[in-house]
Amino acid sequence: MSDKKVNEYALDVGSIIDNSDCTAEFEKVYATRAEAEEQLAFLTSKAQAAASEPCQIESTISETENGVKLTACFRFEYQAETMIFQLAIR
């Protein structure tokens, strides 16, 4: 492939990872409060491991008619950290 062809398809990493999406949201219903709390501890651990600065975490655990709902929002300093966190919890 010629240099001209390579440059035609080259993308600037900054156009893909531009720090416009530094938030990851999580929501799931569990059978018990203990399961929801265990999952939140797991997610918190993964978020802090991915973060260069402390990750801001807002979470709620609430009773629903279908079980116990965990809702959490993780705010990272950089979009790359958000992506690393999302891959780590898959």
Protein backbone atom coordinates (compact mmCIF):
# COMPACT_ATOMS: atom_id res chain seq x y z
CA MET A 1 0.00 0.00 0.00
CA SER A 2 1.43 3.37 -0.92
CA ASP A 3 1.97 6.16 1.61
CA LYS A 4 -0.80 8.09 -0.10
CA LYS A 5 -3.27 5.25 0.48
CA VAL A 6 -2.24 4.87 4.13
CA ASN A 7 -2.75 8.58 4.80
CA GLU A 8 -6.15 8.46 3.11
CA TYR A 9 -7.39 6.03 5.77
CA ALA A 10 -5.44 7.32 8.75
CA LEU A 11 -7.47 8.75 11.61
CA ASP A 12 -6.26 11.03 14.32
CA VAL A 13 -6.73 9.29 17.68
CA GLY A 14 -7.93 12.62 19.06
CA SER A 15 -10.93 12.49 16.75
CA ILE A 16 -11.96 9.16 18.28
CA ILE A 17 -11.03 9.72 21.92
CA ASP A 18 -11.79 13.39 22.48
CA ASN A 19 -12.81 13.28 26.18
CA SER A 20 -16.41 14.06 25.26
CA ASP A 21 -17.73 10.88 26.92
CA CYS A 22 -16.16 10.37 30.34
CA THR A 23 -19.22 8.80 31.99
CA ALA A 24 -20.24 5.16 32.26
CA GLU A 25 -23.70 4.24 33.54
CA PHE A 26 -24.77 0.91 34.95
CA GLU A 27 -28.23 -0.39 35.87
CA LYS A 28 -29.31 -3.91 36.74
CA VAL A 29 -31.88 -5.67 38.92
CA TYR A 30 -30.68 -8.35 41.34
CA ALA A 31 -32.54 -10.90 43.44
CA THR A 32 -31.12 -9.61 46.73
CA ARG A 33 -29.60 -6.45 48.21
CA ALA A 34 -26.44 -8.41 49.03
CA GLU A 35 -25.94 -9.25 45.33
CA ALA A 36 -26.42 -5.59 44.35
CA GLU A 37 -23.95 -4.45 47.02
CA GLU A 38 -21.43 -7.08 45.92
CA GLN A 39 -21.72 -5.91 42.31
CA LEU A 40 -21.30 -2.27 43.34
CA ALA A 41 -18.12 -3.18 45.25
CA PHE A 42 -16.81 -5.01 42.15
CA LEU A 43 -17.64 -2.07 39.85
CA THR A 44 -16.08 0.43 42.27
CA SER A 45 -12.89 -1.60 42.41
CA LYS A 46 -12.67 -1.79 38.60
CA ALA A 47 -13.42 1.94 38.25
CA GLN A 48 -10.73 2.99 40.71
CA ALA A 49 -8.23 0.64 39.03
CA ALA A 50 -8.91 2.29 35.65
CA ALA A 51 -8.82 5.87 36.94
CA SER A 52 -5.73 8.05 37.12
CA GLU A 53 -7.60 10.42 39.44
CA PRO A 54 -10.28 9.19 41.85
CA CYS A 55 -13.40 8.24 39.91
CA GLN A 56 -16.58 10.03 41.00
CA ILE A 57 -19.26 7.44 41.72
CA GLU A 58 -22.94 8.06 42.37
CA SER A 59 -25.05 5.02 43.12
CA THR A 60 -28.41 3.95 44.48
CA ILE A 61 -29.75 0.58 45.51
CA SER A 62 -33.51 0.47 45.64
CA GLU A 63 -36.23 -2.11 46.12
CA THR A 64 -38.49 -2.74 43.13
CA GLU A 65 -41.30 -5.20 42.56
CA ASN A 66 -38.87 -7.28 40.45
CA GLY A 67 -35.99 -7.29 42.93
CA VAL A 68 -33.26 -4.89 44.01
CA LYS A 69 -32.11 -2.34 41.42
CA LEU A 70 -28.54 -1.05 41.34
CA THR A 71 -28.05 2.19 39.46
CA ALA A 72 -24.57 3.69 39.26
CA CYS A 73 -22.85 6.49 37.38
CA PHE A 74 -19.05 6.54 37.07
CA ARG A 75 -17.36 9.81 36.04
CA PHE A 76 -13.76 9.58 34.90
CA GLU A 77 -11.21 12.29 34.16
CA TYR A 78 -10.44 10.89 30.70
CA GLN A 79 -12.46 9.05 28.06
CA ALA A 80 -9.75 6.38 27.73
CA GLU A 81 -10.31 5.49 31.40
CA THR A 82 -14.03 5.13 30.74
CA MET A 83 -13.29 2.76 27.88
CA ILE A 84 -10.85 0.71 29.99
CA PHE A 85 -13.49 0.42 32.73
CA GLN A 86 -16.19 -0.64 30.28
CA LEU A 87 -13.94 -3.33 28.83
CA ALA A 88 -12.95 -4.56 32.30
CA ILE A 89 -16.55 -5.19 33.36
CA ARG A 90 -17.61 -7.10 30.24
